[in-house]
Structures are given as structure tokens and as C-alpha cells.
């Protein structure tokens, strides 16, 4: 299947081609891991399967050298910095804060009202300390 026919269809077609599927995106070549045990191995063994190559290099240019895009050594440091933000009590606080914020915004909406979705989304994410702190940690 070709990617131009839709990302979801493309990705869901890959397991029929094997557990590890070689793909080509223009001049770039790569692999997609399709078997759950292999996915778990790749996620657990970040020394062997370190994030690198042209895809991650480009991603770093766009989103920075954050937790998702950084290599093994930097990932360990960043993960240790981020972990306290995701301890159970903190997550419960974020949930309460976000729920209050969303309910406040929704209470202002009226049936038939036209809303600016990007503006409302920005309002929610920028006005919530929980979301803002998670967003900041994400970009560390």
C-alpha cells in the first residue's frame, strides 16, 4: 500500500508484510516494527535502538532536543528531571485543574454558537498551570 492513500491505511497494512517492514519515503529508507514483542524490545533497549538518523535529526530541528527526540544519554538525564511531574499526586492535581478549566470554558458556550477552536484550545492550554508545566518539561 502507498502512503499517499492515507497514513492510517498505510500503517495498518504493514503487519501483513512481516514483523519488521522496510519502508521507503522518497529517498529515505527505514523500518517499521510491527510485532508487539519487537516493539517492546525496541522501547526497552534504548542503547541498542538509540534514536538517530535523518528522521530524528529533522524532528529535533522542528521540536527541539526534547524527551521524545533526544538520544540515549540525554534521554536518561531528561527523564529523571521529568519524572517528579508525573508522580500520582501531581497527576491528580493536573486532572483536577484541567477539569475545572475545561468546565469553565464549556460553561460559556451556548447552543448554536460558533467558536474559534484554535483560539479556545490555546486559551485552555496556555491558561492551565498543569498543562503548561507538562508542556515545559516536554521541551526541556
C-alpha atoms as a PDB file:
ATOM      1  CA  UNK A   1       0.000   0.000   0.000  1.00  0.00           C
ATOM      2  CA  UNK A   2       1.159   3.505  -0.699  1.00  0.00           C
ATOM      3  CA  UNK A   3       1.277   6.259   1.901  1.00  0.00           C
ATOM      4  CA  UNK A   4      -0.486   8.693  -0.401  1.00  0.00           C
ATOM      5  CA  UNK A   5      -3.660   6.629   0.064  1.00  0.00           C
ATOM      6  CA  UNK A   6      -3.728   7.588   3.742  1.00  0.00           C
ATOM      7  CA  UNK A   7      -1.474   7.214   6.749  1.00  0.00           C
ATOM      8  CA  UNK A   8      -3.820   5.011   8.779  1.00  0.00           C
ATOM      9  CA  UNK A   9      -4.409   2.609   5.909  1.00  0.00           C
ATOM     10  CA  UNK A  10      -0.696   2.507   5.164  1.00  0.00           C
ATOM     11  CA  UNK A  11       0.296   1.761   8.756  1.00  0.00           C
ATOM     12  CA  UNK A  12      -2.416  -0.838   9.307  1.00  0.00           C
ATOM     13  CA  UNK A  13      -1.361  -2.650   6.126  1.00  0.00           C
ATOM     14  CA  UNK A  14       2.251  -3.120   7.250  1.00  0.00           C
ATOM     15  CA  UNK A  15       1.888  -6.089   9.654  1.00  0.00           C
ATOM     16  CA  UNK A  16       0.686  -8.235   6.750  1.00  0.00           C
ATOM     17  CA  UNK A  17       4.197  -7.786   5.302  1.00  0.00           C
ATOM     18  CA  UNK A  18       6.057  -9.095   8.360  1.00  0.00           C
ATOM     19  CA  UNK A  19       7.198  -8.301  11.873  1.00  0.00           C
ATOM     20  CA  UNK A  20       9.808  -5.808  10.673  1.00  0.00           C
ATOM     21  CA  UNK A  21       8.899  -3.993   7.474  1.00  0.00           C
ATOM     22  CA  UNK A  22      11.282  -1.964   5.355  1.00  0.00           C
ATOM     23  CA  UNK A  23       9.657   1.234   4.059  1.00  0.00           C
ATOM     24  CA  UNK A  24      10.742   3.943   1.683  1.00  0.00           C
ATOM     25  CA  UNK A  25       9.658   7.570   1.939  1.00  0.00           C
ATOM     26  CA  UNK A  26      11.121   9.310  -1.079  1.00  0.00           C
ATOM     27  CA  UNK A  27      14.870   8.867  -0.794  1.00  0.00           C
ATOM     28  CA  UNK A  28      14.661   7.881   2.886  1.00  0.00           C
ATOM     29  CA  UNK A  29      14.591   4.234   3.859  1.00  0.00           C
ATOM     30  CA  UNK A  30      13.668   2.887   7.239  1.00  0.00           C
ATOM     31  CA  UNK A  31      11.962   0.114   9.149  1.00  0.00           C
ATOM     32  CA  UNK A  32       8.634  -0.141  10.920  1.00  0.00           C
ATOM     33  CA  UNK A  33       8.401  -2.588  13.796  1.00  0.00           C
ATOM     34  CA  UNK A  34       5.047  -4.373  13.620  1.00  0.00           C
ATOM     35  CA  UNK A  35       5.263  -7.197  16.169  1.00  0.00           C
ATOM     36  CA  UNK A  36       4.339  -6.331  19.793  1.00  0.00           C
ATOM     37  CA  UNK A  37       7.314  -8.200  21.286  1.00  0.00           C
ATOM     38  CA  UNK A  38       9.720  -6.423  18.949  1.00  0.00           C
ATOM     39  CA  UNK A  39       8.124  -3.064  19.760  1.00  0.00           C
ATOM     40  CA  UNK A  40       8.594  -3.792  23.474  1.00  0.00           C
ATOM     41  CA  UNK A  41      12.250  -4.729  22.878  1.00  0.00           C
ATOM     42  CA  UNK A  42      12.928  -1.531  20.936  1.00  0.00           C
ATOM     43  CA  UNK A  43      11.290   0.581  23.629  1.00  0.00           C
ATOM     44  CA  UNK A  44      13.098  -1.178  26.490  1.00  0.00           C
ATOM     45  CA  UNK A  45      16.597  -1.340  24.966  1.00  0.00           C
ATOM     46  CA  UNK A  46      17.275   2.291  24.129  1.00  0.00           C
ATOM     47  CA  UNK A  47      21.047   1.729  23.994  1.00  0.00           C
ATOM     48  CA  UNK A  48      20.820  -0.717  21.109  1.00  0.00           C
ATOM     49  CA  UNK A  49      17.916   1.103  19.452  1.00  0.00           C
ATOM     50  CA  UNK A  50      19.033   4.679  20.073  1.00  0.00           C
ATOM     51  CA  UNK A  51      17.111   7.453  18.341  1.00  0.00           C
ATOM     52  CA  UNK A  52      19.098   8.668  15.403  1.00  0.00           C
ATOM     53  CA  UNK A  53      19.206   9.126  11.696  1.00  0.00           C
ATOM     54  CA  UNK A  54      17.724  11.677   9.342  1.00  0.00           C
ATOM     55  CA  UNK A  55      14.158  11.408  10.693  1.00  0.00           C
ATOM     56  CA  UNK A  56      15.157  12.243  14.263  1.00  0.00           C
ATOM     57  CA  UNK A  57      17.648  14.874  13.070  1.00  0.00           C
ATOM     58  CA  UNK A  58      14.807  16.662  11.243  1.00  0.00           C
ATOM     59  CA  UNK A  59      12.429  16.169  14.172  1.00  0.00           C
ATOM     60  CA  UNK A  60      14.968  17.805  16.506  1.00  0.00           C
ATOM     61  CA  UNK A  61      15.132  20.792  14.167  1.00  0.00           C
ATOM     62  CA  UNK A  62      11.351  21.181  14.383  1.00  0.00           C
ATOM     63  CA  UNK A  63      10.531  20.323  18.021  1.00  0.00           C
ATOM     64  CA  UNK A  64      13.925  20.594  19.709  1.00  0.00           C
ATOM     65  CA  UNK A  65      16.024  18.044  21.547  1.00  0.00           C
ATOM     66  CA  UNK A  66      13.249  17.014  23.916  1.00  0.00           C
ATOM     67  CA  UNK A  67      12.436  13.785  25.672  1.00  0.00           C
ATOM     68  CA  UNK A  68      10.875  12.223  22.575  1.00  0.00           C
ATOM     69  CA  UNK A  69      13.650  13.121  20.131  1.00  0.00           C
ATOM     70  CA  UNK A  70      16.881  13.028  22.153  1.00  0.00           C
ATOM     71  CA  UNK A  71      19.396  10.185  22.167  1.00  0.00           C
ATOM     72  CA  UNK A  72      20.092   7.669  24.935  1.00  0.00           C
ATOM     73  CA  UNK A  73      22.440   9.700  27.159  1.00  0.00           C
ATOM     74  CA  UNK A  74      20.382  12.881  27.064  1.00  0.00           C
ATOM     75  CA  UNK A  75      17.147  10.897  27.466  1.00  0.00           C
ATOM     76  CA  UNK A  76      18.249   9.491  30.836  1.00  0.00           C
ATOM     77  CA  UNK A  77      19.007  12.983  32.158  1.00  0.00           C
ATOM     78  CA  UNK A  78      15.774  14.477  30.861  1.00  0.00           C
ATOM     79  CA  UNK A  79      13.635  11.585  32.088  1.00  0.00           C
ATOM     80  CA  UNK A  80      14.991  11.985  35.620  1.00  0.00           C
ATOM     81  CA  UNK A  81      14.115  15.682  35.506  1.00  0.00           C
ATOM     82  CA  UNK A  82      10.590  14.991  34.257  1.00  0.00           C
ATOM     83  CA  UNK A  83       9.628  12.041  36.463  1.00  0.00           C
ATOM     84  CA  UNK A  84       8.523  14.069  39.518  1.00  0.00           C
ATOM     85  CA  UNK A  85       5.968  15.890  37.368  1.00  0.00           C
ATOM     86  CA  UNK A  86       4.247  12.549  36.718  1.00  0.00           C
ATOM     87  CA  UNK A  87       4.038  11.187  40.259  1.00  0.00           C
ATOM     88  CA  UNK A  88       0.486  10.187  41.151  1.00  0.00           C
ATOM     89  CA  UNK A  89      -0.359  13.173  43.409  1.00  0.00           C
ATOM     90  CA  UNK A  90       0.876  15.637  40.780  1.00  0.00           C
ATOM     91  CA  UNK A  91      -1.129  13.955  38.012  1.00  0.00           C
ATOM     92  CA  UNK A  92      -4.252  14.063  40.211  1.00  0.00           C
ATOM     93  CA  UNK A  93      -3.681  17.805  40.724  1.00  0.00           C
ATOM     94  CA  UNK A  94      -3.301  18.308  36.952  1.00  0.00           C
ATOM     95  CA  UNK A  95      -6.512  16.369  36.331  1.00  0.00           C
ATOM     96  CA  UNK A  96      -8.493  18.479  38.805  1.00  0.00           C
ATOM     97  CA  UNK A  97      -7.077  21.725  37.460  1.00  0.00           C
ATOM     98  CA  UNK A  98      -7.691  20.778  33.827  1.00  0.00           C
ATOM     99  CA  UNK A  99     -11.230  19.603  34.570  1.00  0.00           C
ATOM    100  CA  UNK A 100     -12.054  22.915  36.267  1.00  0.00           C
ATOM    101  CA  UNK A 101     -10.585  24.896  33.392  1.00  0.00           C
ATOM    102  CA  UNK A 102     -12.439  22.906  30.712  1.00  0.00           C
ATOM    103  CA  UNK A 103     -15.726  23.127  32.614  1.00  0.00           C
ATOM    104  CA  UNK A 104     -15.255  26.894  32.941  1.00  0.00           C
ATOM    105  CA  UNK A 105     -14.723  27.329  29.208  1.00  0.00           C
ATOM    106  CA  UNK A 106     -17.588  24.990  28.291  1.00  0.00           C
ATOM    107  CA  UNK A 107     -19.978  26.833  30.620  1.00  0.00           C
ATOM    108  CA  UNK A 108     -19.504  29.949  28.462  1.00  0.00           C
ATOM    109  CA  UNK A 109     -20.507  28.192  25.244  1.00  0.00           C
ATOM    110  CA  UNK A 110     -24.102  28.338  24.037  1.00  0.00           C
ATOM    111  CA  UNK A 111     -26.036  26.094  21.672  1.00  0.00           C
ATOM    112  CA  UNK A 112     -25.581  27.269  18.100  1.00  0.00           C
ATOM    113  CA  UNK A 113     -22.639  29.483  18.981  1.00  0.00           C
ATOM    114  CA  UNK A 114     -19.750  29.491  16.526  1.00  0.00           C
ATOM    115  CA  UNK A 115     -16.423  29.157  18.294  1.00  0.00           C
ATOM    116  CA  UNK A 116     -12.837  29.575  17.164  1.00  0.00           C
ATOM    117  CA  UNK A 117     -11.432  26.124  18.024  1.00  0.00           C
ATOM    118  CA  UNK A 118      -7.706  27.035  17.766  1.00  0.00           C
ATOM    119  CA  UNK A 119      -8.259  30.108  19.944  1.00  0.00           C
ATOM    120  CA  UNK A 120     -10.246  28.139  22.533  1.00  0.00           C
ATOM    121  CA  UNK A 121      -7.630  25.369  22.557  1.00  0.00           C
ATOM    122  CA  UNK A 122      -4.868  27.925  23.068  1.00  0.00           C
ATOM    123  CA  UNK A 123      -6.873  29.501  25.850  1.00  0.00           C
ATOM    124  CA  UNK A 124      -7.176  26.137  27.607  1.00  0.00           C
ATOM    125  CA  UNK A 125      -3.557  25.068  27.211  1.00  0.00           C
ATOM    126  CA  UNK A 126      -1.928  28.403  27.982  1.00  0.00           C
ATOM    127  CA  UNK A 127      -4.135  29.147  30.980  1.00  0.00           C
ATOM    128  CA  UNK A 128      -3.606  25.851  32.779  1.00  0.00           C
ATOM    129  CA  UNK A 129      -0.560  25.518  35.030  1.00  0.00           C
ATOM    130  CA  UNK A 130      -0.732  21.726  34.839  1.00  0.00           C
ATOM    131  CA  UNK A 131      -0.693  21.682  31.056  1.00  0.00           C
ATOM    132  CA  UNK A 132       1.876  24.482  30.928  1.00  0.00           C
ATOM    133  CA  UNK A 133       4.248  22.633  33.282  1.00  0.00           C
ATOM    134  CA  UNK A 134       3.900  19.381  31.344  1.00  0.00           C
ATOM    135  CA  UNK A 135       4.485  21.307  28.113  1.00  0.00           C
ATOM    136  CA  UNK A 136       7.579  22.940  29.597  1.00  0.00           C
ATOM    137  CA  UNK A 137       9.016  19.620  30.803  1.00  0.00           C
ATOM    138  CA  UNK A 138       8.285  18.092  27.421  1.00  0.00           C
ATOM    139  CA  UNK A 139      10.515  20.704  25.774  1.00  0.00           C
ATOM    140  CA  UNK A 140      13.397  20.515  28.301  1.00  0.00           C
END
